[in-house]
Amino acid sequence: MSKAIYTKEQKDLIQKLKSARLSAKLDQKTAAKRLNKSQSYISKMESGQRRIDLVQLKQIAQAYSRNIDYFIK
């Protein structure tokens, strides 16, 4: 039996977060400034070390010029 740390949904979200940031042509530092967070916050979010709540996801979607549906489908 596999003892995966992350569910498939969590892995998908993590990948979409990074992909959306790159599509918006933002580096982690610039994305962090848009979100009023530190660069390490973005790094930890994209590596799965930090969980994201719905309010944060909405802010991220706005900062990356994405519809929130992109992240939750």
N, C-alpha and C. Protein backbone atom coordinates (compact mmCIF):
# COMPACT_ATOMS: atom_id res chain seq x y z
N MET A 1 0.84 -1.18 0.00
CA MET A 1 0.00 0.00 0.00
C MET A 1 0.89 1.25 0.00
N SER A 2 0.58 2.16 -0.90
CA SER A 2 1.34 3.40 -1.03
C SER A 2 1.00 4.35 0.12
N LYS A 3 2.03 5.02 0.61
CA LYS A 3 1.83 6.00 1.67
C LYS A 3 2.15 7.39 1.12
N ALA A 4 1.35 7.83 0.19
CA ALA A 4 1.55 9.14 -0.42
C ALA A 4 1.28 10.24 0.59
N ILE A 5 2.12 11.26 0.55
CA ILE A 5 1.96 12.40 1.44
C ILE A 5 0.81 13.28 0.96
N TYR A 6 0.71 13.46 -0.35
CA TYR A 6 -0.29 14.34 -0.93
C TYR A 6 -1.30 13.54 -1.73
N THR A 7 -2.52 14.00 -1.73
CA THR A 7 -3.54 13.38 -2.57
C THR A 7 -3.33 13.87 -4.01
N LYS A 8 -3.97 13.20 -4.93
CA LYS A 8 -3.87 13.61 -6.33
C LYS A 8 -4.38 15.04 -6.49
N GLU A 9 -5.44 15.40 -5.80
CA GLU A 9 -6.00 16.74 -5.89
C GLU A 9 -5.02 17.79 -5.40
N GLN A 10 -4.30 17.48 -4.32
CA GLN A 10 -3.31 18.42 -3.81
C GLN A 10 -2.17 18.59 -4.80
N LYS A 11 -1.70 17.49 -5.37
CA LYS A 11 -0.63 17.56 -6.37
C LYS A 11 -1.07 18.37 -7.57
N ASP A 12 -2.31 18.17 -8.01
CA ASP A 12 -2.83 18.92 -9.15
C ASP A 12 -2.89 20.42 -8.85
N LEU A 13 -3.34 20.77 -7.67
CA LEU A 13 -3.42 22.18 -7.29
C LEU A 13 -2.03 22.81 -7.25
N ILE A 14 -1.09 22.12 -6.67
CA ILE A 14 0.28 22.62 -6.59
C ILE A 14 0.82 22.89 -8.00
N GLN A 15 0.60 21.95 -8.90
CA GLN A 15 1.07 22.11 -10.28
C GLN A 15 0.37 23.29 -10.96
N LYS A 16 -0.92 23.44 -10.73
CA LYS A 16 -1.67 24.54 -11.34
C LYS A 16 -1.22 25.89 -10.80
N LEU A 17 -0.88 25.96 -9.52
CA LEU A 17 -0.40 27.21 -8.94
C LEU A 17 0.87 27.68 -9.64
N LYS A 18 1.80 26.76 -9.80
CA LYS A 18 3.06 27.12 -10.45
C LYS A 18 2.83 27.45 -11.92
N SER A 19 2.03 26.65 -12.60
CA SER A 19 1.75 26.87 -14.01
C SER A 19 1.08 28.22 -14.24
N ALA A 20 0.13 28.57 -13.40
CA ALA A 20 -0.57 29.85 -13.54
C ALA A 20 0.38 31.02 -13.32
N ARG A 21 1.26 30.88 -12.35
CA ARG A 21 2.23 31.95 -12.08
C ARG A 21 3.15 32.14 -13.28
N LEU A 22 3.65 31.03 -13.82
CA LEU A 22 4.54 31.12 -14.97
C LEU A 22 3.82 31.65 -16.20
N SER A 23 2.57 31.26 -16.40
CA SER A 23 1.78 31.76 -17.53
C SER A 23 1.54 33.26 -17.42
N ALA A 24 1.46 33.75 -16.19
CA ALA A 24 1.29 35.18 -15.96
C ALA A 24 2.63 35.92 -16.06
N LYS A 25 3.69 35.16 -16.38
CA LYS A 25 5.04 35.71 -16.52
C LYS A 25 5.53 36.40 -15.25
N LEU A 26 5.26 35.73 -14.13
CA LEU A 26 5.67 36.26 -12.83
C LEU A 26 6.72 35.33 -12.22
N ASP A 27 7.76 35.93 -11.65
CA ASP A 27 8.64 35.12 -10.84
C ASP A 27 8.07 35.08 -9.43
N GLN A 28 8.65 34.27 -8.56
CA GLN A 28 8.09 34.13 -7.21
C GLN A 28 8.11 35.45 -6.44
N LYS A 29 9.16 36.22 -6.64
CA LYS A 29 9.28 37.48 -5.92
C LYS A 29 8.18 38.47 -6.32
N THR A 30 7.91 38.58 -7.62
CA THR A 30 6.87 39.48 -8.10
C THR A 30 5.48 39.00 -7.68
N ALA A 31 5.26 37.69 -7.77
CA ALA A 31 3.98 37.13 -7.33
C ALA A 31 3.77 37.42 -5.84
N ALA A 32 4.82 37.27 -5.05
CA ALA A 32 4.73 37.54 -3.62
C ALA A 32 4.35 38.99 -3.35
N LYS A 33 4.93 39.91 -4.10
CA LYS A 33 4.60 41.33 -3.92
C LYS A 33 3.13 41.58 -4.23
N ARG A 34 2.62 40.96 -5.30
CA ARG A 34 1.20 41.13 -5.66
C ARG A 34 0.27 40.61 -4.57
N LEU A 35 0.72 39.57 -3.87
CA LEU A 35 -0.10 38.96 -2.83
C LEU A 35 0.21 39.50 -1.43
N ASN A 36 1.17 40.44 -1.37
CA ASN A 36 1.60 40.99 -0.09
C ASN A 36 2.12 39.89 0.84
N LYS A 37 2.90 39.00 0.27
CA LYS A 37 3.49 37.88 0.99
C LYS A 37 4.99 37.87 0.72
N SER A 38 5.70 36.96 1.36
CA SER A 38 7.13 36.81 1.11
C SER A 38 7.36 35.82 -0.03
N GLN A 39 8.54 35.87 -0.61
CA GLN A 39 8.89 34.93 -1.67
C GLN A 39 8.87 33.50 -1.13
N SER A 40 9.28 33.32 0.11
CA SER A 40 9.29 31.97 0.69
C SER A 40 7.86 31.43 0.85
N TYR A 41 6.89 32.32 1.03
CA TYR A 41 5.48 31.90 1.09
C TYR A 41 5.08 31.24 -0.23
N ILE A 42 5.43 31.88 -1.34
CA ILE A 42 5.12 31.35 -2.66
C ILE A 42 5.85 30.03 -2.87
N SER A 43 7.10 29.98 -2.50
CA SER A 43 7.89 28.77 -2.65
C SER A 43 7.28 27.60 -1.87
N LYS A 44 6.92 27.85 -0.64
CA LYS A 44 6.33 26.80 0.20
C LYS A 44 4.96 26.37 -0.32
N MET A 45 4.21 27.31 -0.84
CA MET A 45 2.91 27.01 -1.41
C MET A 45 3.08 26.09 -2.63
N GLU A 46 4.04 26.41 -3.49
CA GLU A 46 4.26 25.64 -4.71
C GLU A 46 4.94 24.30 -4.46
N SER A 47 5.57 24.15 -3.32
CA SER A 47 6.21 22.87 -3.00
C SER A 47 5.32 21.99 -2.14
N GLY A 48 4.15 22.51 -1.76
CA GLY A 48 3.21 21.73 -0.97
C GLY A 48 3.47 21.79 0.52
N GLN A 49 4.36 22.66 0.95
CA GLN A 49 4.65 22.78 2.38
C GLN A 49 3.63 23.66 3.10
N ARG A 50 2.86 24.39 2.33
CA ARG A 50 1.85 25.29 2.90
C ARG A 50 0.51 25.01 2.24
N ARG A 51 -0.50 24.81 3.04
CA ARG A 51 -1.86 24.61 2.51
C ARG A 51 -2.49 25.95 2.23
N ILE A 52 -3.44 25.93 1.31
CA ILE A 52 -4.07 27.17 0.87
C ILE A 52 -5.56 27.09 1.16
N ASP A 53 -6.10 28.13 1.77
CA ASP A 53 -7.54 28.14 2.00
C ASP A 53 -8.24 28.84 0.83
N LEU A 54 -9.54 28.83 0.83
CA LEU A 54 -10.32 29.35 -0.28
C LEU A 54 -10.11 30.85 -0.49
N VAL A 55 -10.00 31.60 0.59
CA VAL A 55 -9.78 33.05 0.49
C VAL A 55 -8.43 33.31 -0.17
N GLN A 56 -7.41 32.59 0.23
CA GLN A 56 -6.09 32.75 -0.38
C GLN A 56 -6.12 32.37 -1.85
N LEU A 57 -6.83 31.30 -2.17
CA LEU A 57 -6.92 30.85 -3.55
C LEU A 57 -7.60 31.91 -4.42
N LYS A 58 -8.59 32.56 -3.89
CA LYS A 58 -9.27 33.64 -4.62
C LYS A 58 -8.29 34.79 -4.89
N GLN A 59 -7.48 35.14 -3.91
CA GLN A 59 -6.50 36.21 -4.08
C GLN A 59 -5.44 35.82 -5.11
N ILE A 60 -5.02 34.57 -5.06
CA ILE A 60 -4.03 34.07 -6.01
C ILE A 60 -4.60 34.12 -7.42
N ALA A 61 -5.83 33.68 -7.59
CA ALA A 61 -6.47 33.70 -8.91
C ALA A 61 -6.50 35.12 -9.46
N GLN A 62 -6.83 36.09 -8.64
CA GLN A 62 -6.85 37.49 -9.09
C GLN A 62 -5.44 37.97 -9.45
N ALA A 63 -4.47 37.65 -8.63
CA ALA A 63 -3.10 38.09 -8.87
C ALA A 63 -2.52 37.48 -10.14
N TYR A 64 -2.95 36.28 -10.48
CA TYR A 64 -2.43 35.58 -11.65
C TYR A 64 -3.36 35.74 -12.86
N SER A 65 -4.37 36.58 -12.74
CA SER A 65 -5.35 36.82 -13.82
C SER A 65 -5.99 35.53 -14.31
N ARG A 66 -6.40 34.71 -13.36
CA ARG A 66 -7.08 33.45 -13.66
C ARG A 66 -8.44 33.43 -12.97
N ASN A 67 -9.33 32.65 -13.53
CA ASN A 67 -10.60 32.39 -12.89
C ASN A 67 -10.35 31.32 -11.83
N ILE A 68 -10.98 31.42 -10.70
CA ILE A 68 -10.76 30.46 -9.62
C ILE A 68 -11.10 29.03 -10.05
N ASP A 69 -12.00 28.91 -11.02
CA ASP A 69 -12.35 27.58 -11.55
C ASP A 69 -11.14 26.83 -12.10
N TYR A 70 -10.17 27.56 -12.62
CA TYR A 70 -8.96 26.93 -13.15
C TYR A 70 -8.29 26.06 -12.10
N PHE A 71 -8.30 26.52 -10.87
CA PHE A 71 -7.60 25.81 -9.80
C PHE A 71 -8.40 24.67 -9.18
N ILE A 72 -9.72 24.74 -9.28
CA ILE A 72 -10.52 23.74 -8.56
C ILE A 72 -11.19 22.71 -9.45
N LYS A 73 -11.01 22.80 -10.74
CA LYS A 73 -11.60 21.79 -11.64
C LYS A 73 -10.74 20.57 -11.68
